[in-house]
Amino acid sequence: MHNLYVTPDGKYVVAGEAGGEGHVSVLDTKTDAPSWFIKLGEGIRPMTMSRNPDGSTKTLFVQIGDYNGFVVVDFQARKEVARINLPKLASGRVPLLAGSSESHGMAVTPDQKLLVVCSRLNNALYSYSLPDMKLVGTADLSGRGAAWVTLTPDGKRAYVADPVGNETLVVDIPSMKQVAKIKVGQVPKRNHTMVIPARTATN
């Protein structure tokens, strides 16, 4: 097991097998027992989920092996429904030597309207509309390989870890443009957003 994710309603933990046949295992948090699994054929990389209006899990998005794209799994039906290839590079842009995990890092915006997906190979962040999975935006990045990504609570900014360039790249999601880069030290990985409540003045 490589990565763990909790479903939006907290009822399940989803675990990915890094090697082997690429099993995704779903565990029931109430019984601490396996609920179901699906085999995707290659090692499991980052995952993310969309939710239904009632808070239950709708779709599981999974990046696998060296596939420059992602797998779409219907959570209720417990089956793969699509594999989405990320776009080919525009003229004048060349692929990076990714080494592994050509597509690595993804997130769903809080309003459930967009899925953002990193491509290490293309050095880009893509946005897809939900639930129809149409490509709606591309942010070509200045770094040396897009990996993990986290979003701000309002869904307006994406922070993309560049573990080769030792930077975090900031993307404005509405315009899908890189707006900043932040030096963060050696090999940034697995970034996450934390909300810190504002302190109120006291006498």
N, C-alpha and C. Protein backbone atom coordinates (compact mmCIF):
# COMPACT_ATOMS: atom_id res chain seq x y z
N MET A 1 0.84 -1.20 0.00
CA MET A 1 0.00 0.00 0.00
C MET A 1 0.88 1.25 0.00
N HIS A 2 0.46 2.22 -0.82
CA HIS A 2 1.31 3.40 -1.02
C HIS A 2 0.65 4.67 -0.51
N ASN A 3 -0.57 4.91 -0.90
CA ASN A 3 -1.27 6.13 -0.50
C ASN A 3 -2.63 5.79 0.09
N LEU A 4 -3.08 6.60 1.03
CA LEU A 4 -4.39 6.43 1.66
C LEU A 4 -5.23 7.69 1.47
N TYR A 5 -6.51 7.50 1.17
CA TYR A 5 -7.43 8.62 1.01
C TYR A 5 -8.73 8.28 1.72
N VAL A 6 -9.34 9.27 2.35
CA VAL A 6 -10.62 9.08 3.02
C VAL A 6 -11.71 9.66 2.13
N THR A 7 -12.80 8.92 1.97
CA THR A 7 -13.90 9.39 1.12
C THR A 7 -14.56 10.62 1.74
N PRO A 8 -15.24 11.44 0.93
CA PRO A 8 -15.84 12.69 1.44
C PRO A 8 -16.77 12.50 2.63
N ASP A 9 -17.47 11.36 2.69
CA ASP A 9 -18.38 11.13 3.81
C ASP A 9 -17.72 10.41 4.98
N GLY A 10 -16.42 10.10 4.87
CA GLY A 10 -15.69 9.46 5.95
C GLY A 10 -16.01 7.98 6.15
N LYS A 11 -16.78 7.39 5.26
CA LYS A 11 -17.20 6.01 5.45
C LYS A 11 -16.19 4.98 4.98
N TYR A 12 -15.25 5.41 4.13
CA TYR A 12 -14.29 4.47 3.56
C TYR A 12 -12.89 5.08 3.52
N VAL A 13 -11.90 4.21 3.58
CA VAL A 13 -10.52 4.57 3.29
C VAL A 13 -10.14 3.85 2.00
N VAL A 14 -9.53 4.59 1.08
CA VAL A 14 -9.14 4.02 -0.21
C VAL A 14 -7.61 3.96 -0.25
N ALA A 15 -7.08 2.76 -0.51
CA ALA A 15 -5.64 2.54 -0.49
C ALA A 15 -5.18 2.04 -1.86
N GLY A 16 -4.02 2.53 -2.31
CA GLY A 16 -3.49 2.12 -3.59
C GLY A 16 -2.24 1.26 -3.45
N GLU A 17 -2.14 0.24 -4.30
CA GLU A 17 -0.98 -0.64 -4.33
C GLU A 17 0.04 -0.05 -5.31
N ALA A 18 1.24 0.27 -4.81
CA ALA A 18 2.23 0.96 -5.64
C ALA A 18 2.78 0.07 -6.74
N GLY A 19 2.86 -1.22 -6.51
CA GLY A 19 3.40 -2.13 -7.51
C GLY A 19 2.39 -3.19 -7.87
N GLY A 20 2.90 -4.37 -8.23
CA GLY A 20 2.03 -5.51 -8.50
C GLY A 20 1.06 -5.24 -9.63
N GLU A 21 -0.20 -5.63 -9.43
CA GLU A 21 -1.23 -5.52 -10.46
C GLU A 21 -2.08 -4.26 -10.30
N GLY A 22 -1.66 -3.38 -9.41
CA GLY A 22 -2.35 -2.11 -9.27
C GLY A 22 -3.73 -2.22 -8.66
N HIS A 23 -3.80 -2.82 -7.48
CA HIS A 23 -5.08 -2.93 -6.79
C HIS A 23 -5.41 -1.62 -6.06
N VAL A 24 -6.66 -1.21 -6.15
CA VAL A 24 -7.21 -0.15 -5.30
C VAL A 24 -8.14 -0.86 -4.32
N SER A 25 -7.85 -0.73 -3.02
CA SER A 25 -8.64 -1.40 -1.99
C SER A 25 -9.47 -0.39 -1.22
N VAL A 26 -10.74 -0.71 -1.02
CA VAL A 26 -11.66 0.17 -0.31
C VAL A 26 -12.01 -0.49 1.02
N LEU A 27 -11.74 0.21 2.11
CA LEU A 27 -11.93 -0.33 3.46
C LEU A 27 -13.05 0.42 4.17
N ASP A 28 -13.89 -0.31 4.86
CA ASP A 28 -15.01 0.26 5.62
C ASP A 28 -14.48 0.78 6.95
N THR A 29 -14.65 2.08 7.22
CA THR A 29 -14.10 2.65 8.45
C THR A 29 -14.90 2.26 9.69
N LYS A 30 -16.13 1.82 9.51
CA LYS A 30 -16.94 1.41 10.66
C LYS A 30 -16.57 0.01 11.14
N THR A 31 -16.27 -0.88 10.19
CA THR A 31 -15.97 -2.27 10.55
C THR A 31 -14.48 -2.58 10.52
N ASP A 32 -13.68 -1.64 10.00
CA ASP A 32 -12.24 -1.89 9.80
C ASP A 32 -12.00 -3.13 8.96
N ALA A 33 -12.83 -3.35 7.98
CA ALA A 33 -12.73 -4.53 7.13
C ALA A 33 -12.76 -4.12 5.66
N PRO A 34 -12.13 -4.93 4.77
CA PRO A 34 -12.21 -4.65 3.35
C PRO A 34 -13.65 -4.66 2.86
N SER A 35 -13.98 -3.70 1.98
CA SER A 35 -15.31 -3.64 1.41
C SER A 35 -15.32 -4.14 -0.04
N TRP A 36 -14.40 -3.60 -0.86
CA TRP A 36 -14.25 -4.07 -2.24
C TRP A 36 -12.92 -3.59 -2.78
N PHE A 37 -12.53 -4.15 -3.92
CA PHE A 37 -11.30 -3.70 -4.57
C PHE A 37 -11.48 -3.75 -6.08
N ILE A 38 -10.58 -3.06 -6.77
CA ILE A 38 -10.55 -3.08 -8.22
C ILE A 38 -9.10 -3.15 -8.66
N LYS A 39 -8.83 -3.89 -9.72
CA LYS A 39 -7.47 -4.04 -10.24
C LYS A 39 -7.35 -3.23 -11.52
N LEU A 40 -6.35 -2.32 -11.56
CA LEU A 40 -6.19 -1.42 -12.69
C LEU A 40 -4.97 -1.73 -13.54
N GLY A 41 -4.18 -2.73 -13.16
CA GLY A 41 -3.13 -3.24 -14.04
C GLY A 41 -1.76 -2.63 -13.89
N GLU A 42 -1.65 -1.46 -13.30
CA GLU A 42 -0.35 -0.83 -13.06
C GLU A 42 -0.35 -0.21 -11.67
N GLY A 43 0.85 0.07 -11.15
CA GLY A 43 0.97 0.63 -9.81
C GLY A 43 0.15 1.89 -9.64
N ILE A 44 -0.47 2.00 -8.47
CA ILE A 44 -1.36 3.14 -8.20
C ILE A 44 -0.56 4.34 -7.72
N ARG A 45 -0.83 5.47 -8.33
CA ARG A 45 -0.22 6.73 -7.97
C ARG A 45 -1.26 7.60 -7.26
N PRO A 46 -1.20 8.92 -7.33
CA PRO A 46 -2.20 9.74 -6.64
C PRO A 46 -3.63 9.46 -7.09
N MET A 47 -4.55 9.67 -6.16
CA MET A 47 -5.98 9.52 -6.43
C MET A 47 -6.71 10.74 -5.87
N THR A 48 -7.92 10.95 -6.35
CA THR A 48 -8.82 11.94 -5.77
C THR A 48 -10.25 11.50 -6.06
N MET A 49 -11.23 12.18 -5.45
CA MET A 49 -12.62 11.75 -5.56
C MET A 49 -13.54 12.94 -5.75
N SER A 50 -14.66 12.70 -6.44
CA SER A 50 -15.75 13.66 -6.48
C SER A 50 -16.90 13.09 -5.64
N ARG A 51 -17.81 13.97 -5.23
CA ARG A 51 -18.88 13.53 -4.35
C ARG A 51 -20.25 13.87 -4.93
N ASN A 52 -21.24 13.11 -4.48
CA ASN A 52 -22.63 13.38 -4.81
C ASN A 52 -23.17 14.49 -3.91
N PRO A 53 -24.33 15.08 -4.26
CA PRO A 53 -24.91 16.13 -3.41
C PRO A 53 -25.13 15.71 -1.96
N ASP A 54 -25.37 14.40 -1.71
CA ASP A 54 -25.58 13.94 -0.34
C ASP A 54 -24.27 13.67 0.40
N GLY A 55 -23.14 13.93 -0.25
CA GLY A 55 -21.84 13.75 0.39
C GLY A 55 -21.20 12.41 0.12
N SER A 56 -21.93 11.48 -0.44
CA SER A 56 -21.35 10.17 -0.75
C SER A 56 -20.39 10.28 -1.93
N THR A 57 -19.55 9.28 -2.08
CA THR A 57 -18.52 9.31 -3.11
C THR A 57 -19.12 8.96 -4.47
N LYS A 58 -18.85 9.80 -5.46
CA LYS A 58 -19.39 9.59 -6.80
C LYS A 58 -18.37 8.89 -7.70
N THR A 59 -17.20 9.52 -7.84
CA THR A 59 -16.20 9.03 -8.79
C THR A 59 -14.83 9.02 -8.14
N LEU A 60 -14.07 7.98 -8.44
CA LEU A 60 -12.69 7.86 -8.01
C LEU A 60 -11.80 8.07 -9.24
N PHE A 61 -10.89 9.02 -9.16
CA PHE A 61 -9.95 9.28 -10.25
C PHE A 61 -8.58 8.77 -9.82
N VAL A 62 -7.94 7.99 -10.67
CA VAL A 62 -6.71 7.28 -10.29
C VAL A 62 -5.64 7.46 -11.36
N GLN A 63 -4.44 7.85 -10.93
CA GLN A 63 -3.30 7.86 -11.83
C GLN A 63 -2.51 6.57 -11.63
N ILE A 64 -2.01 6.01 -12.72
CA ILE A 64 -1.36 4.69 -12.64
C ILE A 64 -0.04 4.68 -13.40
N GLY A 65 0.92 3.94 -12.88
CA GLY A 65 2.17 3.65 -13.57
C GLY A 65 2.76 4.82 -14.31
N ASP A 66 3.16 4.57 -15.56
CA ASP A 66 3.73 5.61 -16.41
C ASP A 66 2.72 6.13 -17.42
N TYR A 67 1.44 5.96 -17.13
CA TYR A 67 0.38 6.39 -18.04
C TYR A 67 0.18 7.89 -17.93
N ASN A 68 0.30 8.62 -19.04
CA ASN A 68 0.11 10.06 -19.04
C ASN A 68 -1.37 10.37 -19.18
N GLY A 69 -2.09 10.07 -18.12
CA GLY A 69 -3.54 10.23 -18.08
C GLY A 69 -4.05 9.70 -16.76
N PHE A 70 -5.33 9.32 -16.72
CA PHE A 70 -5.90 8.83 -15.47
C PHE A 70 -7.08 7.91 -15.76
N VAL A 71 -7.41 7.12 -14.74
CA VAL A 71 -8.51 6.16 -14.82
C VAL A 71 -9.71 6.71 -14.06
N VAL A 72 -10.89 6.53 -14.61
CA VAL A 72 -12.13 6.97 -13.98
C VAL A 72 -12.87 5.74 -13.47
N VAL A 73 -13.16 5.70 -12.17
CA VAL A 73 -13.85 4.57 -11.55
C VAL A 73 -15.16 5.04 -10.96
N ASP A 74 -16.27 4.40 -11.36
CA ASP A 74 -17.57 4.65 -10.75
C ASP A 74 -17.58 3.99 -9.37
N PHE A 75 -17.66 4.82 -8.32
CA PHE A 75 -17.50 4.29 -6.97
C PHE A 75 -18.65 3.38 -6.57
N GLN A 76 -19.86 3.75 -6.91
CA GLN A 76 -21.02 2.93 -6.53
C GLN A 76 -21.10 1.64 -7.34
N ALA A 77 -20.78 1.74 -8.64
CA ALA A 77 -20.82 0.55 -9.49
C ALA A 77 -19.58 -0.32 -9.30
N ARG A 78 -18.53 0.26 -8.70
CA ARG A 78 -17.29 -0.47 -8.42
C ARG A 78 -16.62 -0.96 -9.69
N LYS A 79 -16.58 -0.10 -10.70
CA LYS A 79 -15.97 -0.52 -11.96
C LYS A 79 -15.33 0.67 -12.69
N GLU A 80 -14.32 0.35 -13.50
CA GLU A 80 -13.68 1.35 -14.34
C GLU A 80 -14.63 1.72 -15.48
N VAL A 81 -14.76 3.02 -15.72
CA VAL A 81 -15.66 3.47 -16.79
C VAL A 81 -14.93 4.22 -17.90
N ALA A 82 -13.68 4.65 -17.67
CA ALA A 82 -12.96 5.37 -18.72
C ALA A 82 -11.48 5.48 -18.36
N ARG A 83 -10.67 5.66 -19.39
CA ARG A 83 -9.27 6.07 -19.25
C ARG A 83 -9.09 7.30 -20.12
N ILE A 84 -8.62 8.37 -19.50
CA ILE A 84 -8.51 9.66 -20.17
C ILE A 84 -7.03 9.96 -20.44
N ASN A 85 -6.66 10.06 -21.72
CA ASN A 85 -5.31 10.46 -22.09
C ASN A 85 -5.16 11.97 -21.96
N LEU A 86 -4.08 12.41 -21.34
CA LEU A 86 -3.82 13.85 -21.29
C LEU A 86 -3.40 14.33 -22.68
N PRO A 87 -3.59 15.63 -22.96
CA PRO A 87 -3.34 16.14 -24.32
C PRO A 87 -1.88 15.98 -24.75
N LYS A 88 -1.71 15.89 -26.06
CA LYS A 88 -0.36 15.94 -26.62
C LYS A 88 0.15 17.37 -26.52
N LEU A 89 1.46 17.52 -26.48
CA LEU A 89 2.06 18.84 -26.32
C LEU A 89 1.81 19.73 -27.53
N ALA A 90 1.64 21.00 -27.26
CA ALA A 90 1.49 21.98 -28.33
C ALA A 90 2.80 22.13 -29.09
N SER A 91 2.73 22.62 -30.29
CA SER A 91 3.92 22.84 -31.11
C SER A 91 4.91 23.75 -30.40
N GLY A 92 6.17 23.36 -30.40
CA GLY A 92 7.20 24.16 -29.75
C GLY A 92 7.54 23.71 -28.34
N ARG A 93 6.69 22.88 -27.74
CA ARG A 93 6.98 22.36 -26.40
C ARG A 93 7.45 20.93 -26.51
N VAL A 94 8.43 20.58 -25.68
CA VAL A 94 9.00 19.23 -25.72
C VAL A 94 8.75 18.55 -24.39
N PRO A 95 8.57 17.21 -24.39
CA PRO A 95 8.34 16.50 -23.14
C PRO A 95 9.57 16.49 -22.26
N LEU A 96 9.34 16.42 -20.96
CA LEU A 96 10.43 16.28 -20.01
C LEU A 96 10.74 14.80 -19.82
N LEU A 97 11.94 14.52 -19.39
CA LEU A 97 12.31 13.14 -19.05
C LEU A 97 11.76 12.86 -17.66
N ALA A 98 10.53 12.39 -17.61
CA ALA A 98 9.84 12.24 -16.33
C ALA A 98 10.44 11.13 -15.48
N GLY A 99 10.91 10.05 -16.12
CA GLY A 99 11.49 8.95 -15.36
C GLY A 99 10.45 7.98 -14.88
N SER A 100 9.40 8.47 -14.27
CA SER A 100 8.30 7.62 -13.81
C SER A 100 7.08 8.49 -13.56
N SER A 101 5.92 7.84 -13.53
CA SER A 101 4.67 8.52 -13.18
C SER A 101 4.47 9.78 -14.01
N GLU A 102 4.22 9.58 -15.30
CA GLU A 102 4.12 10.72 -16.20
C GLU A 102 2.97 11.64 -15.84
N SER A 103 1.90 11.09 -15.29
CA SER A 103 0.79 11.90 -14.77
C SER A 103 0.73 11.67 -13.27
N HIS A 104 0.96 12.73 -12.48
CA HIS A 104 1.14 12.53 -11.04
C HIS A 104 0.65 13.76 -10.29
N GLY A 105 -0.49 13.62 -9.61
CA GLY A 105 -1.07 14.72 -8.86
C GLY A 105 -2.38 15.18 -9.46
N MET A 106 -3.43 15.19 -8.64
CA MET A 106 -4.75 15.60 -9.13
C MET A 106 -5.62 16.00 -7.96
N ALA A 107 -6.65 16.83 -8.25
CA ALA A 107 -7.56 17.29 -7.20
C ALA A 107 -8.87 17.75 -7.82
N VAL A 108 -9.94 17.65 -7.04
CA VAL A 108 -11.26 18.14 -7.44
C VAL A 108 -11.52 19.45 -6.70
N THR A 109 -12.00 20.46 -7.41
CA THR A 109 -12.29 21.73 -6.76
C THR A 109 -13.45 21.57 -5.77
N PRO A 110 -13.49 22.38 -4.72
CA PRO A 110 -14.53 22.23 -3.70
C PRO A 110 -15.96 22.31 -4.23
N ASP A 111 -16.19 23.05 -5.32
CA ASP A 111 -17.54 23.14 -5.88
C ASP A 111 -17.90 21.95 -6.76
N GLN A 112 -16.95 21.00 -6.89
CA GLN A 112 -17.17 19.76 -7.65
C GLN A 112 -17.35 20.00 -9.15
N LYS A 113 -16.89 21.13 -9.64
CA LYS A 113 -17.08 21.45 -11.06
C LYS A 113 -15.86 21.15 -11.92
N LEU A 114 -14.68 21.03 -11.30
CA LEU A 114 -13.46 20.83 -12.07
C LEU A 114 -12.57 19.77 -11.43
N LEU A 115 -11.89 19.02 -12.29
CA LEU A 115 -10.80 18.14 -11.89
C LEU A 115 -9.53 18.72 -12.48
N VAL A 116 -8.51 18.95 -11.64
CA VAL A 116 -7.22 19.41 -12.16
C VAL A 116 -6.23 18.26 -12.07
N VAL A 117 -5.42 18.14 -13.12
CA VAL A 117 -4.54 16.98 -13.27
C VAL A 117 -3.15 17.44 -13.69
N CYS A 118 -2.12 16.98 -12.97
CA CYS A 118 -0.74 17.28 -13.32
C CYS A 118 -0.21 16.30 -14.37
N SER A 119 0.65 16.81 -15.25
CA SER A 119 1.43 15.96 -16.13
C SER A 119 2.90 16.31 -15.94
N ARG A 120 3.66 15.36 -15.36
CA ARG A 120 5.11 15.57 -15.27
C ARG A 120 5.71 15.61 -16.67
N LEU A 121 5.27 14.71 -17.52
CA LEU A 121 5.82 14.60 -18.87
C LEU A 121 5.63 15.90 -19.65
N ASN A 122 4.44 16.47 -19.57
CA ASN A 122 4.13 17.69 -20.33
C ASN A 122 4.47 18.97 -19.57
N ASN A 123 4.83 18.84 -18.29
CA ASN A 123 5.08 19.99 -17.43
C ASN A 123 3.91 20.97 -17.51
N ALA A 124 2.72 20.43 -17.20
CA ALA A 124 1.50 21.22 -17.35
C ALA A 124 0.46 20.78 -16.32
N LEU A 125 -0.49 21.67 -16.08
CA LEU A 125 -1.66 21.37 -15.26
C LEU A 125 -2.88 21.52 -16.16
N TYR A 126 -3.74 20.50 -16.17
CA TYR A 126 -4.94 20.51 -17.01
C TYR A 126 -6.18 20.57 -16.13
N SER A 127 -7.26 21.17 -16.66
CA SER A 127 -8.53 21.17 -15.94
C SER A 127 -9.60 20.54 -16.82
N TYR A 128 -10.42 19.69 -16.19
CA TYR A 128 -11.51 18.99 -16.86
C TYR A 128 -12.82 19.33 -16.15
N SER A 129 -13.86 19.59 -16.93
CA SER A 129 -15.16 19.86 -16.34
C SER A 129 -15.77 18.57 -15.81
N LEU A 130 -16.53 18.69 -14.74
CA LEU A 130 -17.23 17.54 -14.15
C LEU A 130 -18.72 17.79 -14.23
N PRO A 131 -19.51 16.74 -14.53
CA PRO A 131 -19.10 15.34 -14.64
C PRO A 131 -18.77 14.89 -16.06
N ASP A 132 -18.78 15.79 -17.05
CA ASP A 132 -18.67 15.35 -18.44
C ASP A 132 -17.23 15.08 -18.89
N MET A 133 -16.23 15.44 -18.07
CA MET A 133 -14.83 15.13 -18.34
C MET A 133 -14.31 15.76 -19.63
N LYS A 134 -14.70 16.99 -19.90
CA LYS A 134 -14.20 17.70 -21.07
C LYS A 134 -13.02 18.57 -20.66
N LEU A 135 -11.96 18.56 -21.46
CA LEU A 135 -10.81 19.42 -21.22
C LEU A 135 -11.21 20.87 -21.41
N VAL A 136 -11.01 21.69 -20.37
CA VAL A 136 -11.43 23.09 -20.47
C VAL A 136 -10.29 24.07 -20.25
N GLY A 137 -9.13 23.61 -19.80
CA GLY A 137 -8.03 24.53 -19.58
C GLY A 137 -6.68 23.85 -19.50
N THR A 138 -5.64 24.59 -19.88
CA THR A 138 -4.26 24.10 -19.82
C THR A 138 -3.37 25.20 -19.27
N ALA A 139 -2.60 24.88 -18.25
CA ALA A 139 -1.60 25.81 -17.73
C ALA A 139 -0.22 25.22 -18.00
N ASP A 140 0.51 25.81 -18.96
CA ASP A 140 1.88 25.40 -19.22
C ASP A 140 2.76 26.00 -18.13
N LEU A 141 3.55 25.15 -17.48
CA LEU A 141 4.29 25.56 -16.30
C LEU A 141 5.75 25.87 -16.62
N SER A 142 6.36 26.68 -15.76
CA SER A 142 7.74 27.12 -15.98
C SER A 142 8.74 26.21 -15.30
N GLY A 143 8.29 25.30 -14.47
CA GLY A 143 9.20 24.47 -13.69
C GLY A 143 9.80 23.33 -14.48
N ARG A 144 10.16 22.27 -13.77
CA ARG A 144 10.85 21.15 -14.39
C ARG A 144 10.13 19.84 -14.14
N GLY A 145 8.82 19.91 -13.94
CA GLY A 145 8.03 18.70 -13.78
C GLY A 145 6.96 18.84 -12.72
N ALA A 146 5.69 18.83 -13.13
CA ALA A 146 4.57 18.99 -12.21
C ALA A 146 4.28 17.66 -11.52
N ALA A 147 4.17 17.70 -10.20
CA ALA A 147 3.86 16.48 -9.46
C ALA A 147 2.63 16.71 -8.60
N TRP A 148 2.75 16.67 -7.28
CA TRP A 148 1.58 16.78 -6.41
C TRP A 148 0.93 18.16 -6.52
N VAL A 149 -0.37 18.19 -6.22
CA VAL A 149 -1.09 19.46 -6.30
C VAL A 149 -2.07 19.57 -5.15
N THR A 150 -2.23 20.78 -4.62
CA THR A 150 -3.24 21.06 -3.61
C THR A 150 -3.97 22.34 -4.01
N LEU A 151 -5.21 22.47 -3.56
CA LEU A 151 -6.04 23.61 -3.92
C LEU A 151 -6.37 24.45 -2.70
N THR A 152 -6.60 25.73 -2.92
CA THR A 152 -7.10 26.58 -1.85
C THR A 152 -8.58 26.26 -1.61
N PRO A 153 -9.10 26.57 -0.41
CA PRO A 153 -10.50 26.21 -0.09
C PRO A 153 -11.54 26.82 -1.02
N ASP A 154 -11.22 27.96 -1.66
CA ASP A 154 -12.17 28.56 -2.59
C ASP A 154 -12.03 28.00 -4.00
N GLY A 155 -11.07 27.12 -4.22
CA GLY A 155 -10.89 26.50 -5.53
C GLY A 155 -10.32 27.41 -6.59
N LYS A 156 -9.75 28.55 -6.20
CA LYS A 156 -9.26 29.51 -7.18
C LYS A 156 -7.77 29.40 -7.47
N ARG A 157 -7.03 28.73 -6.61
CA ARG A 157 -5.59 28.58 -6.80
C ARG A 157 -5.20 27.11 -6.65
N ALA A 158 -4.27 26.70 -7.51
CA ALA A 158 -3.64 25.39 -7.38
C ALA A 158 -2.17 25.60 -7.09
N TYR A 159 -1.64 24.83 -6.15
CA TYR A 159 -0.22 24.88 -5.81
C TYR A 159 0.40 23.55 -6.23
N VAL A 160 1.27 23.63 -7.23
CA VAL A 160 1.85 22.43 -7.84
C VAL A 160 3.28 22.25 -7.37
N ALA A 161 3.59 21.10 -6.81
CA ALA A 161 4.95 20.81 -6.37
C ALA A 161 5.82 20.45 -7.57
N ASP A 162 6.98 21.09 -7.66
CA ASP A 162 7.98 20.77 -8.69
C ASP A 162 9.21 20.21 -7.97
N PRO A 163 9.27 18.87 -7.78
CA PRO A 163 10.35 18.29 -6.99
C PRO A 163 11.72 18.34 -7.66
N VAL A 164 11.75 18.60 -8.96
CA VAL A 164 13.03 18.71 -9.65
C VAL A 164 13.55 20.14 -9.57
N GLY A 165 12.66 21.11 -9.76
CA GLY A 165 13.06 22.52 -9.71
C GLY A 165 13.07 23.11 -8.32
N ASN A 166 12.63 22.32 -7.31
CA ASN A 166 12.62 22.77 -5.91
C ASN A 166 11.74 24.02 -5.71
N GLU A 167 10.62 24.04 -6.41
CA GLU A 167 9.70 25.15 -6.32
C GLU A 167 8.26 24.66 -6.16
N THR A 168 7.41 25.54 -5.71
CA THR A 168 5.96 25.34 -5.79
C THR A 168 5.43 26.37 -6.76
N LEU A 169 4.68 25.89 -7.76
CA LEU A 169 4.16 26.76 -8.81
C LEU A 169 2.70 27.05 -8.53
N VAL A 170 2.31 28.31 -8.64
CA VAL A 170 0.95 28.74 -8.31
C VAL A 170 0.18 29.00 -9.60
N VAL A 171 -0.97 28.33 -9.73
CA VAL A 171 -1.80 28.47 -10.92
C VAL A 171 -3.14 29.08 -10.54
N ASP A 172 -3.54 30.11 -11.28
CA ASP A 172 -4.88 30.69 -11.14
C ASP A 172 -5.83 29.79 -11.93
N ILE A 173 -6.75 29.12 -11.23
CA ILE A 173 -7.60 28.12 -11.88
C ILE A 173 -8.61 28.72 -12.86
N PRO A 174 -9.29 29.84 -12.54
CA PRO A 174 -10.23 30.39 -13.52
C PRO A 174 -9.60 30.70 -14.87
N SER A 175 -8.36 31.21 -14.87
CA SER A 175 -7.70 31.55 -16.12
C SER A 175 -6.74 30.47 -16.59
N MET A 176 -6.43 29.51 -15.72
CA MET A 176 -5.44 28.46 -15.98
C MET A 176 -4.12 29.06 -16.47
N LYS A 177 -3.61 30.01 -15.67
CA LYS A 177 -2.33 30.63 -15.92
C LYS A 177 -1.46 30.52 -14.67
N GLN A 178 -0.17 30.24 -14.88
CA GLN A 178 0.75 30.28 -13.75
C GLN A 178 0.96 31.74 -13.35
N VAL A 179 0.79 32.02 -12.05
CA VAL A 179 0.88 33.40 -11.59
C VAL A 179 2.04 33.64 -10.64
N ALA A 180 2.68 32.59 -10.16
CA ALA A 180 3.80 32.77 -9.23
C ALA A 180 4.58 31.46 -9.11
N LYS A 181 5.80 31.58 -8.61
CA LYS A 181 6.57 30.40 -8.23
C LYS A 181 7.29 30.71 -6.93
N ILE A 182 7.37 29.71 -6.07
CA ILE A 182 7.89 29.90 -4.72
C ILE A 182 9.02 28.90 -4.48
N LYS A 183 10.20 29.40 -4.16
CA LYS A 183 11.31 28.52 -3.79
C LYS A 183 11.00 27.90 -2.43
N VAL A 184 11.05 26.59 -2.34
CA VAL A 184 10.66 25.93 -1.09
C VAL A 184 11.70 24.95 -0.57
N GLY A 185 12.87 24.85 -1.21
CA GLY A 185 13.89 23.91 -0.73
C GLY A 185 13.85 22.61 -1.49
N GLN A 186 14.65 21.66 -1.03
CA GLN A 186 14.90 20.43 -1.77
C GLN A 186 13.67 19.52 -1.90
N VAL A 187 13.38 19.16 -3.11
CA VAL A 187 12.43 18.10 -3.49
C VAL A 187 11.08 18.23 -2.78
N PRO A 188 10.30 19.24 -3.06
CA PRO A 188 8.97 19.34 -2.45
C PRO A 188 8.05 18.22 -2.93
N LYS A 189 7.32 17.65 -1.99
CA LYS A 189 6.40 16.54 -2.29
C LYS A 189 5.15 16.65 -1.43
N ARG A 190 4.08 16.00 -1.88
CA ARG A 190 2.86 15.78 -1.09
C ARG A 190 2.42 17.04 -0.35
N ASN A 191 2.24 18.10 -1.10
CA ASN A 191 1.79 19.34 -0.49
C ASN A 191 0.31 19.25 -0.10
N HIS A 192 -0.08 20.06 0.86
CA HIS A 192 -1.45 20.04 1.36
C HIS A 192 -1.82 21.43 1.85
N THR A 193 -3.10 21.73 1.83
CA THR A 193 -3.60 23.03 2.29
C THR A 193 -4.19 22.89 3.69
N MET A 194 -3.79 23.81 4.57
CA MET A 194 -4.35 23.84 5.92
C MET A 194 -5.04 25.18 6.13
N VAL A 195 -6.23 25.16 6.68
CA VAL A 195 -6.96 26.38 6.98
C VAL A 195 -6.73 26.75 8.44
N ILE A 196 -6.23 27.97 8.66
CA ILE A 196 -5.97 28.44 10.02
C ILE A 196 -7.00 29.52 10.35
N PRO A 197 -7.87 29.28 11.32
CA PRO A 197 -8.88 30.29 11.67
C PRO A 197 -8.24 31.60 12.11
N ALA A 198 -8.83 32.70 11.72
CA ALA A 198 -8.31 34.02 12.11
C ALA A 198 -8.54 34.23 13.60
N ARG A 199 -7.56 34.83 14.25
CA ARG A 199 -7.70 35.15 15.66
C ARG A 199 -8.51 36.43 15.82
N THR A 200 -9.37 36.46 16.82
CA THR A 200 -10.14 37.66 17.09
C THR A 200 -9.44 38.45 18.19
N ALA A 201 -9.55 39.76 18.11
CA ALA A 201 -8.90 40.63 19.09
C ALA A 201 -9.59 40.47 20.46
N THR A 202 -8.80 40.38 21.49
CA THR A 202 -9.34 40.30 22.84
C THR A 202 -8.74 41.41 23.69
N ASN A 203 -9.48 41.85 24.69
CA ASN A 203 -9.00 42.89 25.59
C ASN A 203 -8.23 42.26 26.74
